[in-house]
Amino acid sequence: MSITNRRPFTRSASKPLTAVRGSDPVLSAYALDGPPAPHTDDVPDWSCSGSTTPDLWFPTTVEQLDQARAVCAGCPARAVCAQRGLALKADGVWGGTLLSHGRPTDELFRPSREPARATA
């Protein structure tokens, strides 16, 4: 069975695309598009932009956490970044703060396990 009367998804200021009718358009856009880009006009240079080590922001060791915090230490967007992480209830390092579901934590992320291999 095919649907022939489908309209493409469009988003505009007057009628934003939402995941659920009546839901918050900002949160729905986040759910559909992923987190917003960290760049804003009021904070031109984010220290983490262009990072080639995305795993650094989800540390599994104290050394990784220290490296992430060192990158954040001199960033002009540190406070804005931390506020955004809290508002989005994010995980990872935001503004030098390790967050779990938007709450500051001291617990590191657990490294993913290798899948079990079948033996014959």
C-alpha atoms as a PDB file:
ATOM      1  CA  MET A   1       0.000   0.000   0.000  1.00  0.00           C
ATOM      2  CA  SER A   2       1.453   3.361  -0.939  1.00  0.00           C
ATOM      3  CA  ILE A   3       0.465   6.781   0.236  1.00  0.00           C
ATOM      4  CA  THR A   4      -0.055   9.075  -2.719  1.00  0.00           C
ATOM      5  CA  ASN A   5      -1.208  12.228  -0.950  1.00  0.00           C
ATOM      6  CA  ARG A   6       1.950  12.978   1.028  1.00  0.00           C
ATOM      7  CA  ARG A   7       3.140  16.514   1.438  1.00  0.00           C
ATOM      8  CA  PRO A   8       6.837  17.114   2.054  1.00  0.00           C
ATOM      9  CA  PHE A   9       7.832  18.208   5.529  1.00  0.00           C
ATOM     10  CA  THR A  10       8.374  21.940   5.655  1.00  0.00           C
ATOM     11  CA  ARG A  11       9.197  24.200   8.530  1.00  0.00           C
ATOM     12  CA  SER A  12       8.512  27.914   8.769  1.00  0.00           C
ATOM     13  CA  ALA A  13       8.414  30.493  11.536  1.00  0.00           C
ATOM     14  CA  SER A  14       4.624  30.540  11.481  1.00  0.00           C
ATOM     15  CA  LYS A  15       4.166  26.755  11.357  1.00  0.00           C
ATOM     16  CA  PRO A  16       7.172  24.804  12.646  1.00  0.00           C
ATOM     17  CA  LEU A  17       7.519  21.108  11.954  1.00  0.00           C
ATOM     18  CA  THR A  18       6.891  19.161  15.128  1.00  0.00           C
ATOM     19  CA  ALA A  19       7.181  15.481  15.934  1.00  0.00           C
ATOM     20  CA  VAL A  20       3.838  15.417  17.732  1.00  0.00           C
ATOM     21  CA  ARG A  21       0.935  17.746  17.111  1.00  0.00           C
ATOM     22  CA  GLY A  22       0.795  20.355  19.852  1.00  0.00           C
ATOM     23  CA  SER A  23       4.285  19.600  21.138  1.00  0.00           C
ATOM     24  CA  ASP A  24       6.984  22.171  21.783  1.00  0.00           C
ATOM     25  CA  PRO A  25       8.487  23.135  18.386  1.00  0.00           C
ATOM     26  CA  VAL A  26      11.977  23.741  19.796  1.00  0.00           C
ATOM     27  CA  LEU A  27      12.183  20.367  21.514  1.00  0.00           C
ATOM     28  CA  SER A  28      10.625  18.648  18.522  1.00  0.00           C
ATOM     29  CA  ALA A  29      13.140  20.239  16.171  1.00  0.00           C
ATOM     30  CA  TYR A  30      15.886  18.970  18.466  1.00  0.00           C
ATOM     31  CA  ALA A  31      14.397  15.473  18.326  1.00  0.00           C
ATOM     32  CA  LEU A  32      14.113  15.580  14.526  1.00  0.00           C
ATOM     33  CA  ASP A  33      17.334  17.388  13.635  1.00  0.00           C
ATOM     34  CA  GLY A  34      19.674  16.628  16.519  1.00  0.00           C
ATOM     35  CA  PRO A  35      21.247  19.192  18.820  1.00  0.00           C
ATOM     36  CA  PRO A  36      21.624  22.732  17.577  1.00  0.00           C
ATOM     37  CA  ALA A  37      24.969  23.890  16.274  1.00  0.00           C
ATOM     38  CA  PRO A  38      26.922  25.491  19.101  1.00  0.00           C
ATOM     39  CA  HIS A  39      27.736  28.662  17.185  1.00  0.00           C
ATOM     40  CA  THR A  40      25.856  31.852  17.932  1.00  0.00           C
ATOM     41  CA  ASP A  41      26.407  35.424  16.819  1.00  0.00           C
ATOM     42  CA  ASP A  42      27.171  36.645  20.325  1.00  0.00           C
ATOM     43  CA  VAL A  43      29.947  34.089  20.899  1.00  0.00           C
ATOM     44  CA  PRO A  44      32.104  33.894  17.769  1.00  0.00           C
ATOM     45  CA  ASP A  45      34.794  31.359  18.737  1.00  0.00           C
ATOM     46  CA  TRP A  46      34.070  28.087  20.468  1.00  0.00           C
ATOM     47  CA  SER A  47      37.218  26.210  21.494  1.00  0.00           C
ATOM     48  CA  CYS A  48      35.702  22.812  20.681  1.00  0.00           C
ATOM     49  CA  SER A  49      34.634  23.692  17.138  1.00  0.00           C
ATOM     50  CA  GLY A  50      36.707  21.740  14.694  1.00  0.00           C
ATOM     51  CA  SER A  51      37.625  19.115  17.277  1.00  0.00           C
ATOM     52  CA  THR A  52      38.878  15.937  15.661  1.00  0.00           C
ATOM     53  CA  THR A  53      38.223  13.836  18.773  1.00  0.00           C
ATOM     54  CA  PRO A  54      34.465  13.687  19.420  1.00  0.00           C
ATOM     55  CA  ASP A  55      34.942  10.891  21.988  1.00  0.00           C
ATOM     56  CA  LEU A  56      36.694  13.451  24.186  1.00  0.00           C
ATOM     57  CA  TRP A  57      33.294  14.980  25.031  1.00  0.00           C
ATOM     58  CA  PHE A  58      32.034  11.611  26.355  1.00  0.00           C
ATOM     59  CA  PRO A  59      35.009  10.633  28.526  1.00  0.00           C
ATOM     60  CA  THR A  60      35.578   7.106  29.760  1.00  0.00           C
ATOM     61  CA  THR A  61      38.788   7.941  31.657  1.00  0.00           C
ATOM     62  CA  VAL A  62      39.845  10.691  34.027  1.00  0.00           C
ATOM     63  CA  GLU A  63      42.539  11.682  31.513  1.00  0.00           C
ATOM     64  CA  GLN A  64      39.928  12.276  28.783  1.00  0.00           C
ATOM     65  CA  LEU A  65      37.818  14.324  31.185  1.00  0.00           C
ATOM     66  CA  ASP A  66      40.855  16.434  32.107  1.00  0.00           C
ATOM     67  CA  GLN A  67      41.641  16.991  28.401  1.00  0.00           C
ATOM     68  CA  ALA A  68      38.065  18.073  27.681  1.00  0.00           C
ATOM     69  CA  ARG A  69      38.075  20.447  30.643  1.00  0.00           C
ATOM     70  CA  ALA A  70      41.409  21.882  29.474  1.00  0.00           C
ATOM     71  CA  VAL A  71      39.873  22.693  26.068  1.00  0.00           C
ATOM     72  CA  CYS A  72      36.909  24.339  27.792  1.00  0.00           C
ATOM     73  CA  ALA A  73      39.027  26.260  30.319  1.00  0.00           C
ATOM     74  CA  GLY A  74      39.958  29.127  28.007  1.00  0.00           C
ATOM     75  CA  CYS A  75      36.833  29.117  25.847  1.00  0.00           C
ATOM     76  CA  PRO A  76      34.903  32.401  25.613  1.00  0.00           C
ATOM     77  CA  ALA A  77      31.669  30.409  25.259  1.00  0.00           C
ATOM     78  CA  ARG A  78      32.152  28.278  28.367  1.00  0.00           C
ATOM     79  CA  ALA A  79      29.228  29.721  30.355  1.00  0.00           C
ATOM     80  CA  VAL A  80      26.875  29.725  27.349  1.00  0.00           C
ATOM     81  CA  CYS A  81      27.847  26.155  26.519  1.00  0.00           C
ATOM     82  CA  ALA A  82      27.248  24.926  30.080  1.00  0.00           C
ATOM     83  CA  GLN A  83      23.851  26.654  30.177  1.00  0.00           C
ATOM     84  CA  ARG A  84      22.899  25.079  26.853  1.00  0.00           C
ATOM     85  CA  GLY A  85      23.900  21.612  28.059  1.00  0.00           C
ATOM     86  CA  LEU A  86      21.776  22.037  31.178  1.00  0.00           C
ATOM     87  CA  ALA A  87      18.809  23.362  29.175  1.00  0.00           C
ATOM     88  CA  LEU A  88      18.977  20.495  26.667  1.00  0.00           C
ATOM     89  CA  LYS A  89      19.376  17.910  29.459  1.00  0.00           C
ATOM     90  CA  ALA A  90      22.414  16.728  27.545  1.00  0.00           C
ATOM     91  CA  ASP A  91      25.065  14.122  28.208  1.00  0.00           C
ATOM     92  CA  GLY A  92      28.798  14.705  27.937  1.00  0.00           C
ATOM     93  CA  VAL A  93      31.110  17.611  28.677  1.00  0.00           C
ATOM     94  CA  TRP A  94      29.460  21.011  28.182  1.00  0.00           C
ATOM     95  CA  GLY A  95      31.383  24.106  29.231  1.00  0.00           C
ATOM     96  CA  GLY A  96      33.816  22.014  31.238  1.00  0.00           C
ATOM     97  CA  THR A  97      31.023  20.345  33.216  1.00  0.00           C
ATOM     98  CA  LEU A  98      30.336  16.624  32.866  1.00  0.00           C
ATOM     99  CA  LEU A  99      26.573  16.160  32.491  1.00  0.00           C
ATOM    100  CA  SER A 100      24.304  13.137  32.605  1.00  0.00           C
ATOM    101  CA  HIS A 101      20.778  13.878  31.406  1.00  0.00           C
ATOM    102  CA  GLY A 102      21.431  17.568  32.028  1.00  0.00           C
ATOM    103  CA  ARG A 103      22.664  17.145  35.592  1.00  0.00           C
ATOM    104  CA  PRO A 104      26.253  17.594  36.735  1.00  0.00           C
ATOM    105  CA  THR A 105      27.872  14.274  37.592  1.00  0.00           C
ATOM    106  CA  ASP A 106      31.223  12.765  38.478  1.00  0.00           C
ATOM    107  CA  GLU A 107      30.496   9.411  36.817  1.00  0.00           C
ATOM    108  CA  LEU A 108      32.474   8.746  33.653  1.00  0.00           C
ATOM    109  CA  PHE A 109      30.880   7.073  30.658  1.00  0.00           C
ATOM    110  CA  ARG A 110      31.338   3.335  30.441  1.00  0.00           C
ATOM    111  CA  PRO A 111      33.254   2.155  27.397  1.00  0.00           C
ATOM    112  CA  SER A 112      31.117   0.125  25.046  1.00  0.00           C
ATOM    113  CA  ARG A 113      31.672  -3.583  25.203  1.00  0.00           C
ATOM    114  CA  GLU A 114      32.731  -5.628  22.252  1.00  0.00           C
ATOM    115  CA  PRO A 115      29.846  -7.789  21.034  1.00  0.00           C
ATOM    116  CA  ALA A 116      30.036 -11.397  22.166  1.00  0.00           C
ATOM    117  CA  ARG A 117      31.397 -13.716  19.521  1.00  0.00           C
ATOM    118  CA  ALA A 118      29.803 -17.041  18.836  1.00  0.00           C
ATOM    119  CA  THR A 119      32.072 -20.017  19.243  1.00  0.00           C
ATOM    120  CA  ALA A 120      31.606 -23.267  17.421  1.00  0.00           C
END
